[in-house]
Amino acid sequence: MTRDGTECESFAACLAVIREGGDPSYVGATGRRPLNEAGEPDTGNYQVETFGANDRIDPTKRTFRKGSRPDTMTVTSQPITANLQGDGVLRIGALQPKTGRAKIYLPAVSAGWELALADIKAAGGVLGQPLEHRTADAGDASDDTGVRGARALLADGVDVVIAANSSAVTLQVIDEIVNAGIPIFSPLNTAPVLTNYADHGLYFRNLPSDLIQADTLAHVIAERGNRSVSIVALDDVYGNGLAEQLAKSFETLGVTLLTTDFYGGATSDFFPIARRVVAADPDAIVLVSFSEASRALRALVVSGIGPRRKQIFGTDGTTNNTIGELFDAGG
């Protein structure tokens, strides 16, 4: 990790900076993302999507919002305690969502992975040696797929692990990885609990905490004239963290939180929750979900409280056309 270094846009260019005794500041395909003392961004740039009448994202209505760390969020630094000896060959392992609820992110995750590998290979590898890489299934937190995947990567002698998409899966595997002295980096983890986690200074992520996302979303909801809201959230570290900060931000903004309903990952019947939301009659509804948001939406629509009657908002786990496709298919 470096600060205030020389900007470089490829692995080869960054190597040249290092060889000249400088500090590289890598500017990748998605731009430059400074990290704070906990190894994560302090700000977030959020793409706000709107679904059209065809249940698909309408790109003509796309807007962008910038969010920053709320005053209630604390960040602490931890010294790096690992002292591993390498053998001159860089081995990178990745936990990828090949199965489970986060599978909808696999194409995007794979694209970023392949881009990085191609960039390093084009530079002739690392320290004159070919790059070695392997992947394992992250699954989701409903079973031990991610744990078995992480252990397989460690057994293969990887030097760094690209973490699972799911924060819940990362929390299942992070102790075993960092206790082995292996750095772990996530492109998509957002759970607040990971900010100050006891990770020996070895955990990094490229997305900001959900405390920032939740605060930004709460402002969007309030700015659209909503004075009351109901939250429907997945009962895991992702959903709990977002729901908690949404509640705090709504209170600050003067928006009344009428109901909060949590559901388990295996939930298929959302009608009991829909009935409670109907009874509360909020101005807006927030879904803190992944692909199962399609089933929650169906229950809300059938119960007469769908998007034609209420403003319905989703978090980052719902901002893709998979939700509309599953809804149309009845799933």
C-alpha atoms as a PDB file:
ATOM      1  CA  MET A   1       0.000   0.000   0.000  1.00  0.00           C
ATOM      2  CA  THR A   2       1.365   3.406  -0.957  1.00  0.00           C
ATOM      3  CA  ARG A   3       0.304   7.030  -0.566  1.00  0.00           C
ATOM      4  CA  ASP A   4       0.703  10.025  -2.878  1.00  0.00           C
ATOM      5  CA  GLY A   5       2.662   8.014  -5.417  1.00  0.00           C
ATOM      6  CA  THR A   6       3.231   8.277  -9.151  1.00  0.00           C
ATOM      7  CA  GLU A   7       0.111   7.424 -11.138  1.00  0.00           C
ATOM      8  CA  CYS A   8       0.363   4.414 -13.454  1.00  0.00           C
ATOM      9  CA  GLU A   9      -2.352   2.800 -15.576  1.00  0.00           C
ATOM     10  CA  SER A  10      -0.979  -0.709 -16.128  1.00  0.00           C
ATOM     11  CA  PHE A  11       0.901  -3.330 -14.171  1.00  0.00           C
ATOM     12  CA  ALA A  12       3.947  -2.818 -16.403  1.00  0.00           C
ATOM     13  CA  ALA A  13       3.918   0.947 -15.807  1.00  0.00           C
ATOM     14  CA  CYS A  14       3.608   0.446 -12.047  1.00  0.00           C
ATOM     15  CA  LEU A  15       6.552  -1.987 -12.097  1.00  0.00           C
ATOM     16  CA  ALA A  16       8.619   0.667 -13.847  1.00  0.00           C
ATOM     17  CA  VAL A  17       7.815   3.132 -11.058  1.00  0.00           C
ATOM     18  CA  ILE A  18       8.878   0.566  -8.445  1.00  0.00           C
ATOM     19  CA  ARG A  19      12.145  -0.208 -10.255  1.00  0.00           C
ATOM     20  CA  GLU A  20      12.963   3.498 -10.205  1.00  0.00           C
ATOM     21  CA  GLY A  21      12.498   3.543  -6.432  1.00  0.00           C
ATOM     22  CA  GLY A  22       9.117   5.265  -6.467  1.00  0.00           C
ATOM     23  CA  ASP A  23       5.684   4.503  -5.041  1.00  0.00           C
ATOM     24  CA  PRO A  24       3.045   3.518  -7.618  1.00  0.00           C
ATOM     25  CA  SER A  25      -0.496   4.891  -7.519  1.00  0.00           C
ATOM     26  CA  TYR A  26      -2.455   2.494  -9.720  1.00  0.00           C
ATOM     27  CA  VAL A  27      -5.301   3.965 -11.771  1.00  0.00           C
ATOM     28  CA  GLY A  28      -7.277   0.999 -13.056  1.00  0.00           C
ATOM     29  CA  ALA A  29     -10.223   0.624 -15.403  1.00  0.00           C
ATOM     30  CA  THR A  30     -12.608   1.962 -12.759  1.00  0.00           C
ATOM     31  CA  GLY A  31     -10.383   4.802 -11.621  1.00  0.00           C
ATOM     32  CA  ARG A  32      -8.346   5.491  -8.510  1.00  0.00           C
ATOM     33  CA  ARG A  33      -9.747   4.558  -5.100  1.00  0.00           C
ATOM     34  CA  PRO A  34      -7.808   5.843  -2.057  1.00  0.00           C
ATOM     35  CA  LEU A  35      -8.151   3.693   1.067  1.00  0.00           C
ATOM     36  CA  ASN A  36      -8.301   4.873   4.667  1.00  0.00           C
ATOM     37  CA  GLU A  37      -6.383   3.508   7.646  1.00  0.00           C
ATOM     38  CA  ALA A  38      -8.683   0.478   7.812  1.00  0.00           C
ATOM     39  CA  GLY A  39      -7.973  -0.422   4.185  1.00  0.00           C
ATOM     40  CA  GLU A  40     -11.275   0.708   2.654  1.00  0.00           C
ATOM     41  CA  PRO A  41     -12.688   3.798   0.893  1.00  0.00           C
ATOM     42  CA  ASP A  42     -14.137   6.682   2.900  1.00  0.00           C
ATOM     43  CA  THR A  43     -16.441   7.719   0.072  1.00  0.00           C
ATOM     44  CA  GLY A  44     -18.690   6.022  -2.429  1.00  0.00           C
ATOM     45  CA  ASN A  45     -20.022   6.897  -5.860  1.00  0.00           C
ATOM     46  CA  TYR A  46     -23.448   5.323  -6.282  1.00  0.00           C
ATOM     47  CA  GLN A  47     -25.304   4.658  -9.504  1.00  0.00           C
ATOM     48  CA  VAL A  48     -29.037   5.146  -8.924  1.00  0.00           C
ATOM     49  CA  GLU A  49     -31.066   2.969 -11.289  1.00  0.00           C
ATOM     50  CA  THR A  50     -34.792   3.119 -12.062  1.00  0.00           C
ATOM     51  CA  PHE A  51     -36.790   0.188 -13.384  1.00  0.00           C
ATOM     52  CA  GLY A  52     -39.178   0.923 -16.264  1.00  0.00           C
ATOM     53  CA  ALA A  53     -42.625  -0.469 -17.058  1.00  0.00           C
ATOM     54  CA  ASN A  54     -40.984  -3.541 -18.639  1.00  0.00           C
ATOM     55  CA  ASP A  55     -39.390  -4.523 -15.297  1.00  0.00           C
ATOM     56  CA  ARG A  56     -35.927  -3.698 -16.617  1.00  0.00           C
ATOM     57  CA  ILE A  57     -33.482  -0.932 -15.757  1.00  0.00           C
ATOM     58  CA  ASP A  58     -34.137   2.215 -17.791  1.00  0.00           C
ATOM     59  CA  PRO A  59     -30.676   3.647 -18.596  1.00  0.00           C
ATOM     60  CA  THR A  60     -32.175   7.021 -19.571  1.00  0.00           C
ATOM     61  CA  LYS A  61     -33.144   7.579 -15.925  1.00  0.00           C
ATOM     62  CA  ARG A  62     -29.726   6.725 -14.475  1.00  0.00           C
ATOM     63  CA  THR A  63     -28.290   9.208 -12.000  1.00  0.00           C
ATOM     64  CA  PHE A  64     -25.247   9.272  -9.721  1.00  0.00           C
ATOM     65  CA  ARG A  65     -24.779  10.190  -6.088  1.00  0.00           C
ATOM     66  CA  LYS A  66     -21.677  10.627  -3.987  1.00  0.00           C
ATOM     67  CA  GLY A  67     -21.727   9.523  -0.368  1.00  0.00           C
ATOM     68  CA  SER A  68     -19.224   9.998   2.433  1.00  0.00           C
ATOM     69  CA  ARG A  69     -18.528   8.515   5.843  1.00  0.00           C
ATOM     70  CA  PRO A  70     -21.251   9.393   8.391  1.00  0.00           C
ATOM     71  CA  ASP A  71     -20.150  11.119  11.593  1.00  0.00           C
ATOM     72  CA  THR A  72     -21.283   8.062  13.579  1.00  0.00           C
ATOM     73  CA  MET A  73     -18.803   5.768  11.798  1.00  0.00           C
ATOM     74  CA  THR A  74     -15.464   5.077  13.528  1.00  0.00           C
ATOM     75  CA  VAL A  75     -12.362   3.741  11.786  1.00  0.00           C
ATOM     76  CA  THR A  76      -9.238   2.313  13.442  1.00  0.00           C
ATOM     77  CA  SER A  77      -5.952   1.094  11.995  1.00  0.00           C
ATOM     78  CA  GLN A  78      -4.198  -2.173  12.783  1.00  0.00           C
ATOM     79  CA  PRO A  79      -0.505  -2.982  12.369  1.00  0.00           C
ATOM     80  CA  ILE A  80       0.370  -5.655   9.835  1.00  0.00           C
ATOM     81  CA  THR A  81       1.725  -8.632  11.768  1.00  0.00           C
ATOM     82  CA  ALA A  82       2.399 -11.156   8.980  1.00  0.00           C
ATOM     83  CA  ASN A  83       5.964 -12.089   8.096  1.00  0.00           C
ATOM     84  CA  LEU A  84       5.804 -14.675   5.326  1.00  0.00           C
ATOM     85  CA  GLN A  85       8.741 -15.741   3.209  1.00  0.00           C
ATOM     86  CA  GLY A  86       7.963 -16.113  -0.489  1.00  0.00           C
ATOM     87  CA  ASP A  87       9.522 -18.370  -3.110  1.00  0.00           C
ATOM     88  CA  GLY A  88       9.614 -15.812  -5.924  1.00  0.00           C
ATOM     89  CA  VAL A  89       6.368 -16.938  -7.586  1.00  0.00           C
ATOM     90  CA  LEU A  90       3.155 -14.962  -7.051  1.00  0.00           C
ATOM     91  CA  ARG A  91       0.104 -17.185  -6.616  1.00  0.00           C
ATOM     92  CA  ILE A  92      -3.307 -15.515  -6.494  1.00  0.00           C
ATOM     93  CA  GLY A  93      -6.447 -17.332  -5.415  1.00  0.00           C
ATOM     94  CA  ALA A  94     -10.002 -16.099  -5.830  1.00  0.00           C
ATOM     95  CA  LEU A  95     -13.198 -17.118  -4.066  1.00  0.00           C
ATOM     96  CA  GLN A  96     -15.844 -16.601  -6.737  1.00  0.00           C
ATOM     97  CA  PRO A  97     -19.655 -16.927  -6.445  1.00  0.00           C
ATOM     98  CA  LYS A  98     -20.086 -19.922  -8.726  1.00  0.00           C
ATOM     99  CA  THR A  99     -23.159 -21.001  -6.744  1.00  0.00           C
ATOM    100  CA  GLY A 100     -25.491 -19.341  -4.238  1.00  0.00           C
ATOM    101  CA  ARG A 101     -27.442 -16.072  -4.107  1.00  0.00           C
ATOM    102  CA  ALA A 102     -24.492 -13.941  -5.235  1.00  0.00           C
ATOM    103  CA  LYS A 103     -24.035 -15.965  -8.446  1.00  0.00           C
ATOM    104  CA  ILE A 104     -25.620 -13.087 -10.383  1.00  0.00           C
ATOM    105  CA  TYR A 105     -22.349 -11.192  -9.846  1.00  0.00           C
ATOM    106  CA  LEU A 106     -20.127 -13.905 -11.342  1.00  0.00           C
ATOM    107  CA  PRO A 107     -19.885 -12.387 -14.870  1.00  0.00           C
ATOM    108  CA  ALA A 108     -18.754  -9.014 -13.524  1.00  0.00           C
ATOM    109  CA  VAL A 109     -16.371 -10.561 -10.996  1.00  0.00           C
ATOM    110  CA  SER A 110     -14.881 -12.847 -13.634  1.00  0.00           C
ATOM    111  CA  ALA A 111     -14.404  -9.928 -16.031  1.00  0.00           C
ATOM    112  CA  GLY A 112     -12.408  -7.960 -13.454  1.00  0.00           C
ATOM    113  CA  TRP A 113     -10.387 -11.054 -12.550  1.00  0.00           C
ATOM    114  CA  GLU A 114      -9.539 -11.796 -16.189  1.00  0.00           C
ATOM    115  CA  LEU A 115      -8.618  -8.165 -16.856  1.00  0.00           C
ATOM    116  CA  ALA A 116      -6.142  -8.136 -13.962  1.00  0.00           C
ATOM    117  CA  LEU A 117      -4.608 -11.464 -14.974  1.00  0.00           C
ATOM    118  CA  ALA A 118      -4.197 -10.315 -18.574  1.00  0.00           C
ATOM    119  CA  ASP A 119      -2.541  -7.067 -17.449  1.00  0.00           C
ATOM    120  CA  ILE A 120      -0.012  -8.915 -15.281  1.00  0.00           C
ATOM    121  CA  LYS A 121       0.700 -11.546 -17.931  1.00  0.00           C
ATOM    122  CA  ALA A 122       1.220  -8.832 -20.563  1.00  0.00           C
ATOM    123  CA  ALA A 123       3.971  -7.407 -18.351  1.00  0.00           C
ATOM    124  CA  GLY A 124       5.764 -10.759 -18.323  1.00  0.00           C
ATOM    125  CA  GLY A 125       4.556 -11.884 -14.919  1.00  0.00           C
ATOM    126  CA  VAL A 126       5.975 -10.832 -11.558  1.00  0.00           C
ATOM    127  CA  LEU A 127       9.700 -10.602 -10.797  1.00  0.00           C
ATOM    128  CA  GLY A 128      10.447 -12.476 -13.994  1.00  0.00           C
ATOM    129  CA  GLN A 129       8.217 -15.404 -13.046  1.00  0.00           C
ATOM    130  CA  PRO A 130       4.866 -16.402 -14.591  1.00  0.00           C
ATOM    131  CA  LEU A 131       1.814 -15.564 -12.514  1.00  0.00           C
ATOM    132  CA  GLU A 132      -0.028 -18.546 -11.042  1.00  0.00           C
ATOM    133  CA  HIS A 133      -3.732 -18.309 -10.303  1.00  0.00           C
ATOM    134  CA  ARG A 134      -6.665 -20.457  -9.298  1.00  0.00           C
ATOM    135  CA  THR A 135     -10.306 -20.078  -8.241  1.00  0.00           C
ATOM    136  CA  ALA A 136     -12.656 -21.801  -5.807  1.00  0.00           C
ATOM    137  CA  ASP A 137     -16.389 -21.608  -5.206  1.00  0.00           C
ATOM    138  CA  ALA A 138     -17.472 -19.127  -2.532  1.00  0.00           C
ATOM    139  CA  GLY A 139     -21.085 -20.320  -2.450  1.00  0.00           C
ATOM    140  CA  ASP A 140     -23.074 -18.430   0.170  1.00  0.00           C
ATOM    141  CA  ALA A 141     -23.218 -18.433   3.949  1.00  0.00           C
ATOM    142  CA  SER A 142     -25.964 -21.073   4.099  1.00  0.00           C
ATOM    143  CA  ASP A 143     -23.324 -23.826   4.084  1.00  0.00           C
ATOM    144  CA  ASP A 144     -19.545 -24.343   4.232  1.00  0.00           C
ATOM    145  CA  THR A 145     -18.846 -24.058   0.493  1.00  0.00           C
ATOM    146  CA  GLY A 146     -16.762 -20.923   0.999  1.00  0.00           C
ATOM    147  CA  VAL A 147     -14.840 -22.436   3.907  1.00  0.00           C
ATOM    148  CA  ARG A 148     -13.918 -25.464   1.813  1.00  0.00           C
ATOM    149  CA  GLY A 149     -12.953 -23.191  -1.075  1.00  0.00           C
ATOM    150  CA  ALA A 150     -10.700 -21.041   1.114  1.00  0.00           C
ATOM    151  CA  ARG A 151      -8.972 -24.080   2.564  1.00  0.00           C
ATOM    152  CA  ALA A 152      -8.356 -25.425  -0.928  1.00  0.00           C
ATOM    153  CA  LEU A 153      -6.712 -22.139  -1.945  1.00  0.00           C
ATOM    154  CA  LEU A 154      -4.527 -22.089   1.174  1.00  0.00           C
ATOM    155  CA  ALA A 155      -3.522 -25.700   0.548  1.00  0.00           C
ATOM    156  CA  ASP A 156      -2.447 -24.656  -2.957  1.00  0.00           C
ATOM    157  CA  GLY A 157      -0.055 -22.128  -1.419  1.00  0.00           C
ATOM    158  CA  VAL A 158      -1.631 -18.888  -2.613  1.00  0.00           C
ATOM    159  CA  ASP A 159       0.026 -15.626  -1.543  1.00  0.00           C
ATOM    160  CA  VAL A 160      -3.156 -13.540  -1.597  1.00  0.00           C
ATOM    161  CA  VAL A 161      -6.880 -14.278  -1.682  1.00  0.00           C
ATOM    162  CA  ILE A 162      -9.469 -12.287  -3.602  1.00  0.00           C
ATOM    163  CA  ALA A 163     -12.378 -12.542  -1.175  1.00  0.00           C
ATOM    164  CA  ALA A 164     -15.922 -13.693  -1.697  1.00  0.00           C
ATOM    165  CA  ASN A 165     -18.613 -11.279  -2.884  1.00  0.00           C
ATOM    166  CA  SER A 166     -20.722 -11.980   0.181  1.00  0.00           C
ATOM    167  CA  SER A 167     -19.631 -10.303   3.406  1.00  0.00           C
ATOM    168  CA  ALA A 168     -21.177 -13.215   5.298  1.00  0.00           C
ATOM    169  CA  VAL A 169     -18.953 -15.692   3.449  1.00  0.00           C
ATOM    170  CA  THR A 170     -15.888 -13.519   4.027  1.00  0.00           C
ATOM    171  CA  LEU A 171     -16.651 -13.561   7.750  1.00  0.00           C
ATOM    172  CA  GLN A 172     -16.712 -17.361   7.592  1.00  0.00           C
ATOM    173  CA  VAL A 173     -13.205 -17.534   6.123  1.00  0.00           C
ATOM    174  CA  ILE A 174     -11.309 -14.375   7.122  1.00  0.00           C
ATOM    175  CA  ASP A 175      -9.863 -15.694  10.395  1.00  0.00           C
ATOM    176  CA  GLU A 176      -8.337 -18.774   8.805  1.00  0.00           C
ATOM    177  CA  ILE A 177      -6.858 -16.744   5.946  1.00  0.00           C
ATOM    178  CA  VAL A 178      -5.324 -13.855   7.912  1.00  0.00           C
ATOM    179  CA  ASN A 179      -4.117 -16.156  10.702  1.00  0.00           C
ATOM    180  CA  ALA A 180      -2.086 -17.882   7.988  1.00  0.00           C
ATOM    181  CA  GLY A 181      -0.537 -14.486   7.211  1.00  0.00           C
ATOM    182  CA  ILE A 182      -2.273 -14.213   3.836  1.00  0.00           C
ATOM    183  CA  PRO A 183      -3.679 -10.842   2.711  1.00  0.00           C
ATOM    184  CA  ILE A 184      -7.318 -10.888   1.651  1.00  0.00           C
ATOM    185  CA  PHE A 185      -8.850  -8.330  -0.691  1.00  0.00           C
ATOM    186  CA  SER A 186     -12.509  -7.999  -1.616  1.00  0.00           C
ATOM    187  CA  PRO A 187     -13.953  -6.150  -4.605  1.00  0.00           C
ATOM    188  CA  LEU A 188     -17.524  -6.293  -3.246  1.00  0.00           C
ATOM    189  CA  ASN A 189     -17.721  -6.765   0.554  1.00  0.00           C
ATOM    190  CA  THR A 190     -19.648  -3.944   2.216  1.00  0.00           C
ATOM    191  CA  ALA A 191     -20.596  -5.147   5.735  1.00  0.00           C
ATOM    192  CA  PRO A 192     -19.808  -2.497   8.397  1.00  0.00           C
ATOM    193  CA  VAL A 193     -18.434  -5.108  10.816  1.00  0.00           C
ATOM    194  CA  LEU A 194     -15.438  -5.617   8.512  1.00  0.00           C
ATOM    195  CA  THR A 195     -14.181  -2.037   8.951  1.00  0.00           C
ATOM    196  CA  ASN A 196     -12.553  -2.596  12.345  1.00  0.00           C
ATOM    197  CA  TYR A 197     -12.346  -6.384  12.235  1.00  0.00           C
ATOM    198  CA  ALA A 198      -9.324  -7.947  13.991  1.00  0.00           C
ATOM    199  CA  ASP A 199      -7.627  -8.853  10.704  1.00  0.00           C
ATOM    200  CA  HIS A 200      -3.918  -8.278  11.560  1.00  0.00           C
ATOM    201  CA  GLY A 201      -3.972  -5.419   9.036  1.00  0.00           C
ATOM    202  CA  LEU A 202      -4.397  -7.899   6.176  1.00  0.00           C
ATOM    203  CA  TYR A 203      -7.970  -7.270   4.980  1.00  0.00           C
ATOM    204  CA  PHE A 204      -8.693  -4.689   2.274  1.00  0.00           C
ATOM    205  CA  ARG A 205     -11.751  -3.880   0.188  1.00  0.00           C
ATOM    206  CA  ASN A 206     -12.482  -1.702  -2.797  1.00  0.00           C
ATOM    207  CA  LEU A 207     -16.056  -0.789  -1.840  1.00  0.00           C
ATOM    208  CA  PRO A 208     -17.017   1.432   1.087  1.00  0.00           C
ATOM    209  CA  SER A 209     -18.927   0.242   4.117  1.00  0.00           C
ATOM    210  CA  ASP A 210     -22.693  -0.108   3.837  1.00  0.00           C
ATOM    211  CA  LEU A 211     -22.942   2.631   6.438  1.00  0.00           C
ATOM    212  CA  ILE A 212     -22.131   5.021   3.584  1.00  0.00           C
ATOM    213  CA  GLN A 213     -24.497   3.322   1.123  1.00  0.00           C
ATOM    214  CA  ALA A 214     -27.357   3.327   3.646  1.00  0.00           C
ATOM    215  CA  ASP A 215     -26.889   6.985   4.517  1.00  0.00           C
ATOM    216  CA  THR A 216     -26.822   7.934   0.832  1.00  0.00           C
ATOM    217  CA  LEU A 217     -29.933   5.861   0.045  1.00  0.00           C
ATOM    218  CA  ALA A 218     -31.800   7.380   2.997  1.00  0.00           C
ATOM    219  CA  HIS A 219     -31.110  10.854   1.600  1.00  0.00           C
ATOM    220  CA  VAL A 220     -32.399   9.806  -1.847  1.00  0.00           C
ATOM    221  CA  ILE A 221     -35.599   8.419  -0.291  1.00  0.00           C
ATOM    222  CA  ALA A 222     -36.195  11.553   1.788  1.00  0.00           C
ATOM    223  CA  GLU A 223     -35.490  13.881  -1.138  1.00  0.00           C
ATOM    224  CA  ARG A 224     -38.260  12.174  -3.116  1.00  0.00           C
ATOM    225  CA  GLY A 225     -40.830  13.317  -0.603  1.00  0.00           C
ATOM    226  CA  ASN A 226     -41.213  10.164   1.473  1.00  0.00           C
ATOM    227  CA  ARG A 227     -41.971  10.773   5.155  1.00  0.00           C
ATOM    228  CA  SER A 228     -42.511   7.164   6.258  1.00  0.00           C
ATOM    229  CA  VAL A 229     -40.880   3.889   5.256  1.00  0.00           C
ATOM    230  CA  SER A 230     -40.857   0.119   5.811  1.00  0.00           C
ATOM    231  CA  ILE A 231     -37.693  -1.993   5.520  1.00  0.00           C
ATOM    232  CA  VAL A 232     -37.599  -5.617   4.341  1.00  0.00           C
ATOM    233  CA  ALA A 233     -34.101  -7.015   4.860  1.00  0.00           C
ATOM    234  CA  LEU A 234     -32.139 -10.237   4.575  1.00  0.00           C
ATOM    235  CA  ASP A 235     -31.228 -11.466   8.051  1.00  0.00           C
ATOM    236  CA  ASP A 236     -27.461 -11.671   7.690  1.00  0.00           C
ATOM    237  CA  VAL A 237     -24.471  -9.408   8.235  1.00  0.00           C
ATOM    238  CA  TYR A 238     -25.222  -7.555   4.967  1.00  0.00           C
ATOM    239  CA  GLY A 239     -28.901  -6.955   5.652  1.00  0.00           C
ATOM    240  CA  ASN A 240     -28.489  -6.209   9.346  1.00  0.00           C
ATOM    241  CA  GLY A 241     -25.789  -3.603   8.790  1.00  0.00           C
ATOM    242  CA  LEU A 242     -27.722  -1.780   6.088  1.00  0.00           C
ATOM    243  CA  ALA A 243     -31.003  -1.855   7.992  1.00  0.00           C
ATOM    244  CA  GLU A 244     -29.369  -0.502  11.158  1.00  0.00           C
ATOM    245  CA  GLN A 245     -27.758   2.461   9.405  1.00  0.00           C
ATOM    246  CA  LEU A 246     -30.900   3.158   7.347  1.00  0.00           C
ATOM    247  CA  ALA A 247     -32.826   3.449  10.619  1.00  0.00           C
ATOM    248  CA  LYS A 248     -30.268   5.904  12.042  1.00  0.00           C
ATOM    249  CA  SER A 249     -30.227   8.018   8.890  1.00  0.00           C
ATOM    250  CA  PHE A 250     -34.030   8.076   8.618  1.00  0.00           C
ATOM    251  CA  GLU A 251     -34.225   9.363  12.192  1.00  0.00           C
ATOM    252  CA  THR A 252     -31.741  12.129  11.408  1.00  0.00           C
ATOM    253  CA  LEU A 253     -33.708  13.075   8.278  1.00  0.00           C
ATOM    254  CA  GLY A 254     -37.083  13.075  10.007  1.00  0.00           C
ATOM    255  CA  VAL A 255     -38.406  10.054   8.105  1.00  0.00           C
ATOM    256  CA  THR A 256     -40.532   7.720  10.247  1.00  0.00           C
ATOM    257  CA  LEU A 257     -39.534   4.050  10.145  1.00  0.00           C
ATOM    258  CA  LEU A 258     -42.818   2.164  10.539  1.00  0.00           C
ATOM    259  CA  THR A 259     -41.718  -1.477  10.267  1.00  0.00           C
ATOM    260  CA  THR A 260     -38.562  -3.538   9.804  1.00  0.00           C
ATOM    261  CA  ASP A 261     -38.946  -7.179   8.773  1.00  0.00           C
ATOM    262  CA  PHE A 262     -36.009  -9.581   8.502  1.00  0.00           C
ATOM    263  CA  TYR A 263     -36.186 -12.844   6.559  1.00  0.00           C
ATOM    264  CA  GLY A 264     -33.904 -15.865   6.338  1.00  0.00           C
ATOM    265  CA  GLY A 265     -31.944 -16.803   3.260  1.00  0.00           C
ATOM    266  CA  ALA A 266     -34.192 -19.804   2.578  1.00  0.00           C
ATOM    267  CA  THR A 267     -37.435 -17.796   2.767  1.00  0.00           C
ATOM    268  CA  SER A 268     -39.782 -18.424  -0.154  1.00  0.00           C
ATOM    269  CA  ASP A 269     -43.067 -17.036   1.228  1.00  0.00           C
ATOM    270  CA  PHE A 270     -42.972 -13.248   1.593  1.00  0.00           C
ATOM    271  CA  PHE A 271     -46.737 -12.802   1.994  1.00  0.00           C
ATOM    272  CA  PRO A 272     -46.668 -12.547   5.827  1.00  0.00           C
ATOM    273  CA  ILE A 273     -44.176  -9.683   5.508  1.00  0.00           C
ATOM    274  CA  ALA A 274     -46.234  -8.101   2.723  1.00  0.00           C
ATOM    275  CA  ARG A 275     -49.322  -8.120   4.946  1.00  0.00           C
ATOM    276  CA  ARG A 276     -47.441  -6.293   7.708  1.00  0.00           C
ATOM    277  CA  VAL A 277     -46.229  -3.693   5.215  1.00  0.00           C
ATOM    278  CA  VAL A 278     -49.788  -3.238   3.906  1.00  0.00           C
ATOM    279  CA  ALA A 279     -50.990  -2.659   7.471  1.00  0.00           C
ATOM    280  CA  ALA A 280     -48.233  -0.092   8.093  1.00  0.00           C
ATOM    281  CA  ASP A 281     -49.036   1.768   4.829  1.00  0.00           C
ATOM    282  CA  PRO A 282     -45.653   3.527   4.398  1.00  0.00           C
ATOM    283  CA  ASP A 283     -44.844   6.084   1.734  1.00  0.00           C
ATOM    284  CA  ALA A 284     -41.888   3.964   0.598  1.00  0.00           C
ATOM    285  CA  ILE A 285     -40.513   0.435   0.942  1.00  0.00           C
ATOM    286  CA  VAL A 286     -36.821  -0.541   1.016  1.00  0.00           C
ATOM    287  CA  LEU A 287     -35.689  -4.027  -0.030  1.00  0.00           C
ATOM    288  CA  VAL A 288     -32.292  -4.993   1.371  1.00  0.00           C
ATOM    289  CA  SER A 289     -31.987  -8.104  -0.746  1.00  0.00           C
ATOM    290  CA  PHE A 290     -30.346 -10.013  -3.557  1.00  0.00           C
ATOM    291  CA  SER A 291     -32.127 -12.017  -6.273  1.00  0.00           C
ATOM    292  CA  GLU A 292     -34.860 -13.045  -3.812  1.00  0.00           C
ATOM    293  CA  ALA A 293     -36.129  -9.464  -4.087  1.00  0.00           C
ATOM    294  CA  SER A 294     -38.180 -10.733  -7.052  1.00  0.00           C
ATOM    295  CA  ARG A 295     -40.241 -12.923  -4.700  1.00  0.00           C
ATOM    296  CA  ALA A 296     -40.650 -10.110  -2.198  1.00  0.00           C
ATOM    297  CA  LEU A 297     -41.808  -7.820  -4.999  1.00  0.00           C
ATOM    298  CA  ARG A 298     -44.338 -10.378  -6.206  1.00  0.00           C
ATOM    299  CA  ALA A 299     -45.804 -10.657  -2.712  1.00  0.00           C
ATOM    300  CA  LEU A 300     -46.050  -6.868  -2.461  1.00  0.00           C
ATOM    301  CA  VAL A 301     -47.678  -6.558  -5.893  1.00  0.00           C
ATOM    302  CA  VAL A 302     -50.227  -9.316  -5.233  1.00  0.00           C
ATOM    303  CA  SER A 303     -50.977  -7.708  -1.861  1.00  0.00           C
ATOM    304  CA  GLY A 304     -51.789  -4.433  -3.591  1.00  0.00           C
ATOM    305  CA  ILE A 305     -48.775  -2.455  -2.429  1.00  0.00           C
ATOM    306  CA  GLY A 306     -46.426  -2.768  -5.413  1.00  0.00           C
ATOM    307  CA  PRO A 307     -44.527  -0.022  -7.267  1.00  0.00           C
ATOM    308  CA  ARG A 308     -47.704   1.377  -8.875  1.00  0.00           C
ATOM    309  CA  ARG A 309     -48.881   2.429  -5.402  1.00  0.00           C
ATOM    310  CA  LYS A 310     -45.671   2.917  -3.437  1.00  0.00           C
ATOM    311  CA  GLN A 311     -42.107   3.979  -4.121  1.00  0.00           C
ATOM    312  CA  ILE A 312     -39.954   0.871  -3.766  1.00  0.00           C
ATOM    313  CA  PHE A 313     -36.195   1.164  -3.342  1.00  0.00           C
ATOM    314  CA  GLY A 314     -33.484  -1.482  -3.352  1.00  0.00           C
ATOM    315  CA  THR A 315     -29.895  -1.636  -2.195  1.00  0.00           C
ATOM    316  CA  ASP A 316     -26.923  -2.592  -4.369  1.00  0.00           C
ATOM    317  CA  GLY A 317     -27.900  -6.271  -4.335  1.00  0.00           C
ATOM    318  CA  THR A 318     -30.966  -5.507  -6.449  1.00  0.00           C
ATOM    319  CA  THR A 319     -29.598  -3.122  -9.075  1.00  0.00           C
ATOM    320  CA  ASN A 320     -29.568  -5.533 -12.003  1.00  0.00           C
ATOM    321  CA  ASN A 321     -32.019  -6.892 -14.558  1.00  0.00           C
ATOM    322  CA  THR A 322     -31.965 -10.349 -12.993  1.00  0.00           C
ATOM    323  CA  ILE A 323     -34.618  -9.125 -10.550  1.00  0.00           C
ATOM    324  CA  GLY A 324     -37.011  -8.237 -13.375  1.00  0.00           C
ATOM    325  CA  GLU A 325     -36.267 -11.434 -15.272  1.00  0.00           C
ATOM    326  CA  LEU A 326     -37.004 -13.571 -12.213  1.00  0.00           C
ATOM    327  CA  PHE A 327     -40.158 -11.571 -11.479  1.00  0.00           C
ATOM    328  CA  ASP A 328     -41.435 -12.124 -15.026  1.00  0.00           C
ATOM    329  CA  ALA A 329     -40.659 -15.836 -14.736  1.00  0.00           C
ATOM    330  CA  GLY A 330     -42.627 -16.064 -11.500  1.00  0.00           C
ATOM    331  CA  GLY A 331     -39.533 -16.697  -9.392  1.00  0.00           C
END
